[in-house]
Amino acid sequence: MKIAYLLVALVMVMAGAVTTASAADTFTGVITDTMCGAKPHSAMSKGKTDAECAKMCVKGPHEYALLQGTEVVKLSDQKAAAKFPAQKVKVTGTYDEKSKTIKVTSIEPDND
């Protein structure tokens, strides 16, 4: 009988963990890179477009990120971000405070 109660309690805890998991949020901003961040790309690579600069920066140790105002947040899905360098986008996902990264579910152009 105790085992049955333990199993029920375990199932309830697991169900609670699933229902309390963070729902996906939508983040709006511009795809940039962790090197240039909020700085103008033109200051970093003269003669190149913002998109060309971001693509060049991520070939090194830097990653695609989302620029929201002055805040730069890393993105977990680099392949999806690579489709939108220097473009305004909507990113759906959850923000992981520990890694300071948006765990990306999807990225789409923001045509608003």
Protein backbone atom coordinates (compact mmCIF):
# COMPACT_ATOMS: atom_id res chain seq x y z
CA MET A 1 0.00 0.00 0.00
CA LYS A 2 2.86 2.38 0.82
CA ILE A 3 4.34 1.74 -2.60
CA ALA A 4 1.05 2.74 -4.23
CA TYR A 5 1.05 6.03 -2.27
CA LEU A 6 4.66 6.66 -3.24
CA LEU A 7 3.89 6.02 -6.90
CA VAL A 8 0.90 8.37 -6.79
CA ALA A 9 3.01 11.04 -5.09
CA LEU A 10 5.78 10.61 -7.65
CA VAL A 11 3.33 10.92 -10.54
CA MET A 12 1.84 14.07 -9.00
CA VAL A 13 5.27 15.63 -8.54
CA MET A 14 6.24 14.81 -12.12
CA ALA A 15 2.95 16.19 -13.44
CA GLY A 16 3.51 19.35 -11.42
CA ALA A 17 6.99 19.73 -12.88
CA VAL A 18 5.59 19.49 -16.38
CA THR A 19 2.82 22.01 -15.77
CA THR A 20 5.12 24.48 -14.03
CA ALA A 21 7.70 24.40 -16.82
CA SER A 22 8.09 27.83 -18.36
CA ALA A 23 5.81 28.53 -21.26
CA ALA A 24 7.50 29.87 -24.34
CA ASP A 25 7.78 33.65 -24.62
CA THR A 26 8.22 35.86 -27.66
CA PHE A 27 11.26 38.12 -27.88
CA THR A 28 11.54 40.81 -30.55
CA GLY A 29 14.79 42.33 -31.72
CA VAL A 30 17.52 42.26 -34.34
CA ILE A 31 19.84 39.32 -35.00
CA THR A 32 23.38 40.43 -34.21
CA ASP A 33 26.47 38.66 -32.91
CA THR A 34 28.12 38.49 -29.51
CA MET A 35 31.18 40.41 -30.73
CA CYS A 36 29.48 43.52 -32.10
CA GLY A 37 26.43 43.26 -29.87
CA ALA A 38 24.77 46.67 -29.68
CA LYS A 39 27.67 48.48 -31.40
CA PRO A 40 27.17 49.54 -35.02
CA HIS A 41 28.53 46.88 -37.34
CA SER A 42 29.93 49.58 -39.60
CA ALA A 43 32.38 50.52 -36.83
CA MET A 44 33.68 46.96 -36.74
CA SER A 45 33.95 46.14 -40.45
CA LYS A 46 34.24 49.08 -42.77
CA GLY A 47 32.61 48.64 -46.15
CA LYS A 48 30.51 45.63 -45.15
CA THR A 49 26.79 45.51 -44.50
CA ASP A 50 25.47 44.70 -41.04
CA ALA A 51 24.50 41.22 -42.25
CA GLU A 52 27.96 40.59 -43.74
CA CYS A 53 29.62 41.74 -40.53
CA ALA A 54 27.48 39.46 -38.35
CA LYS A 55 28.19 36.49 -40.63
CA MET A 56 31.91 37.23 -40.48
CA CYS A 57 31.93 37.57 -36.67
CA VAL A 58 30.25 34.21 -36.06
CA LYS A 59 32.89 32.40 -38.12
CA GLY A 60 35.19 33.01 -35.16
CA PRO A 61 34.51 32.32 -31.51
CA HIS A 62 31.38 34.50 -31.43
CA GLU A 63 27.71 33.50 -31.73
CA TYR A 64 24.50 34.89 -33.12
CA ALA A 65 22.50 36.80 -30.53
CA LEU A 66 19.34 38.86 -30.24
CA LEU A 67 19.65 42.61 -29.72
CA GLN A 68 16.70 43.99 -27.74
CA GLY A 69 17.23 47.72 -27.24
CA THR A 70 20.71 47.71 -25.65
CA GLU A 71 20.54 44.15 -24.30
CA VAL A 72 22.29 41.34 -26.19
CA VAL A 73 21.08 37.80 -25.48
CA LYS A 74 22.67 34.63 -26.86
CA LEU A 75 20.52 32.25 -28.93
CA SER A 76 20.64 28.48 -28.62
CA ASP A 77 19.76 27.78 -32.27
CA GLN A 78 22.59 29.19 -34.35
CA LYS A 79 21.38 27.61 -37.61
CA ALA A 80 17.98 29.31 -37.39
CA ALA A 81 19.58 32.63 -36.45
CA ALA A 82 21.97 32.39 -39.42
CA LYS A 83 18.99 32.81 -41.76
CA PHE A 84 18.29 36.32 -40.42
CA PRO A 85 21.52 38.28 -39.81
CA ALA A 86 20.86 41.99 -39.13
CA GLN A 87 17.11 41.48 -39.55
CA LYS A 88 14.30 42.30 -37.12
CA VAL A 89 12.82 39.02 -35.88
CA LYS A 90 10.46 37.41 -33.40
CA VAL A 91 12.09 34.64 -31.40
CA THR A 92 9.89 32.15 -29.60
CA GLY A 93 11.51 30.30 -26.73
CA THR A 94 12.39 30.39 -23.07
CA TYR A 95 15.06 32.49 -21.39
CA ASP A 96 17.56 30.54 -19.33
CA GLU A 97 18.84 32.90 -16.63
CA LYS A 98 21.76 30.64 -15.72
CA SER A 99 23.29 30.57 -19.22
CA LYS A 100 21.86 33.97 -20.26
CA THR A 101 20.55 32.30 -23.41
CA ILE A 102 17.19 32.09 -25.16
CA LYS A 103 16.41 28.43 -25.79
CA VAL A 104 14.93 28.91 -29.25
CA THR A 105 11.76 27.18 -30.41
CA SER A 106 11.44 29.26 -33.60
CA ILE A 107 12.67 32.43 -35.30
CA GLU A 108 10.64 34.32 -37.88
CA PRO A 109 10.86 37.73 -39.51
CA ASP A 110 9.10 40.56 -37.66
CA ASN A 111 7.20 42.41 -40.33
CA ASP A 112 5.44 44.77 -37.91
